[in-house]
Amino acid sequence: MPEEPRFRSGDIRWLMDVYTFDGAYLGNVLWIRAEQRGNRTASPTPLSEPGRFDGEAIGPMPTQALGNTGPHVQSGQFDYATGAPRGSALEGGSMLVGKYFGLIGRHWISLDDVQTVSLERVILRTRSSEYV
């Protein structure tokens, strides 16, 4: 069984904050130069619809008529929005990180050095002494 990729395209985005392992702020992601091998985009597998109950319609403020697609995407037909991860696997490459839109402190950092990506933060497995 092939190993699941650590990150996918879209996980690391423009202007995400980048920190070293010891908490030093390096700047924002300015550019990503990534190798993408194999497209793992998967379409949802339709399941049998267990019931036709639409909780959105009972309120308190139905928003489906205003364009909210959430109730449809979170239905049994689409695995309740828990389908396979989408996007190409990032298997190598680098990102340009800098402060003040790249005016100072620009660094090309390998995507292999990324330890964690969460919300708007990228945390590297390297220490700040490597970027001084």
Protein backbone atom coordinates (compact mmCIF):
# COMPACT_ATOMS: atom_id res chain seq x y z
CA MET A 1 0.00 0.00 0.00
CA PRO A 2 1.53 3.37 -1.00
CA GLU A 3 2.34 5.83 1.75
CA GLU A 4 -0.05 8.77 2.06
CA PRO A 5 1.66 12.07 1.11
CA ARG A 6 2.39 14.47 3.96
CA PHE A 7 1.04 17.56 2.17
CA ARG A 8 -1.15 18.31 -0.81
CA SER A 9 -1.38 21.30 -3.10
CA GLY A 10 -3.41 23.91 -1.26
CA ASP A 11 -2.18 22.92 2.21
CA ILE A 12 0.63 25.47 2.02
CA ARG A 13 -0.67 28.74 0.61
CA TRP A 14 0.52 32.26 -0.18
CA LEU A 15 0.96 34.52 2.89
CA MET A 16 0.87 31.74 5.50
CA ASP A 17 3.11 32.52 8.50
CA VAL A 18 6.29 30.43 8.72
CA TYR A 19 7.94 29.60 12.06
CA THR A 20 10.99 27.54 12.95
CA PHE A 21 10.87 24.63 15.38
CA ASP A 22 12.01 26.89 18.21
CA GLY A 23 9.32 29.51 17.52
CA ALA A 24 11.20 32.14 15.50
CA TYR A 25 9.09 33.95 12.89
CA LEU A 26 10.68 33.80 9.42
CA GLY A 27 7.98 35.61 7.44
CA ASN A 28 5.23 34.70 5.02
CA VAL A 29 5.07 32.19 2.18
CA LEU A 30 5.65 34.26 -0.97
CA TRP A 31 6.04 31.57 -3.62
CA ILE A 32 5.82 27.78 -3.83
CA ARG A 33 7.88 25.84 -6.35
CA ALA A 34 6.60 22.30 -5.93
CA GLU A 35 6.83 19.01 -7.72
CA GLN A 36 3.42 17.40 -8.01
CA ARG A 37 3.44 13.74 -8.89
CA GLY A 38 0.22 12.00 -9.63
CA ASN A 39 -3.18 13.57 -9.26
CA ARG A 40 -5.05 12.01 -6.38
CA THR A 41 -8.20 13.99 -6.94
CA ALA A 42 -11.07 11.68 -6.16
CA SER A 43 -14.73 12.16 -6.78
CA PRO A 44 -17.03 11.32 -3.90
CA THR A 45 -18.46 7.83 -3.88
CA PRO A 46 -22.24 8.06 -3.70
CA LEU A 47 -23.72 6.18 -0.77
CA SER A 48 -27.25 4.99 -0.38
CA GLU A 49 -29.29 7.85 1.03
CA PRO A 50 -30.48 6.62 4.45
CA GLY A 51 -33.25 9.17 4.70
CA ARG A 52 -34.51 12.27 3.02
CA PHE A 53 -34.51 14.54 6.06
CA ASP A 54 -33.43 18.12 5.38
CA GLY A 55 -32.48 19.78 8.66
CA GLU A 56 -31.61 22.99 6.79
CA ALA A 57 -35.25 23.54 5.88
CA ILE A 58 -36.47 23.65 9.48
CA GLY A 59 -34.44 26.70 10.42
CA PRO A 60 -33.79 28.83 12.35
CA MET A 61 -32.67 30.66 9.19
CA PRO A 62 -32.53 28.48 6.08
CA THR A 63 -29.68 29.61 3.82
CA GLN A 64 -29.83 27.05 1.03
CA ALA A 65 -32.01 29.34 -1.07
CA LEU A 66 -29.35 32.07 -0.69
CA GLY A 67 -26.67 29.86 -2.29
CA ASN A 68 -25.30 27.86 0.65
CA THR A 69 -24.15 24.54 -0.86
CA GLY A 70 -23.17 23.02 2.50
CA PRO A 71 -26.37 21.03 3.08
CA HIS A 72 -26.07 19.36 -0.33
CA VAL A 73 -22.33 18.60 -0.02
CA GLN A 74 -22.80 17.24 3.51
CA SER A 75 -25.44 14.74 2.44
CA GLY A 76 -25.16 10.96 2.33
CA GLN A 77 -24.69 11.16 -1.43
CA PHE A 78 -21.30 12.82 -0.83
CA ASP A 79 -20.14 10.75 2.18
CA TYR A 80 -21.24 13.58 4.49
CA ALA A 81 -18.29 15.71 3.26
CA THR A 82 -15.74 13.13 4.48
CA GLY A 83 -14.59 11.92 1.07
CA ALA A 84 -11.04 11.21 -0.01
CA PRO A 85 -8.58 14.10 0.25
CA ARG A 86 -8.39 16.21 -2.87
CA GLY A 87 -5.41 17.77 -4.59
CA SER A 88 -2.07 16.60 -5.88
CA ALA A 89 0.56 15.28 -3.52
CA LEU A 90 3.49 17.63 -2.89
CA GLU A 91 6.58 15.45 -3.10
CA GLY A 92 9.49 17.83 -3.12
CA GLY A 93 10.13 21.41 -4.07
CA SER A 94 10.66 24.57 -2.09
CA MET A 95 8.94 27.73 -0.90
CA LEU A 96 10.13 31.32 -0.80
CA VAL A 97 9.64 32.90 2.63
CA GLY A 98 10.22 36.54 3.53
CA LYS A 99 9.09 39.47 5.65
CA TYR A 100 7.29 42.57 4.39
CA PHE A 101 6.29 40.92 1.08
CA GLY A 102 9.85 39.72 0.51
CA LEU A 103 11.65 43.01 1.02
CA ILE A 104 13.82 41.51 3.79
CA GLY A 105 14.78 38.08 5.08
CA ARG A 106 14.10 36.08 1.91
CA HIS A 107 14.85 32.34 2.14
CA TRP A 108 14.17 29.40 -0.15
CA ILE A 109 13.16 26.56 2.16
CA SER A 110 12.74 22.94 1.10
CA LEU A 111 9.24 21.51 1.54
CA ASP A 112 10.96 18.52 3.15
CA ASP A 113 11.77 20.82 6.11
CA VAL A 114 8.07 21.42 6.82
CA GLN A 115 6.97 19.61 9.95
CA THR A 116 3.40 20.83 10.48
CA VAL A 117 0.80 22.88 8.63
CA SER A 118 -2.18 24.12 10.60
CA LEU A 119 -4.66 26.90 9.87
CA GLU A 120 -2.47 29.82 8.76
CA ARG A 121 0.84 28.59 10.17
CA VAL A 122 3.70 26.50 8.76
CA ILE A 123 6.15 25.10 11.31
CA LEU A 124 9.55 23.87 10.15
CA ARG A 125 11.62 21.10 11.68
CA THR A 126 14.73 23.35 11.56
CA ARG A 127 15.89 25.89 14.15
CA SER A 128 16.25 29.66 13.75
CA SER A 129 20.07 29.48 13.89
CA GLU A 130 20.03 28.00 10.37
CA TYR A 131 18.49 31.17 8.90
CA VAL A 132 20.54 33.92 10.57
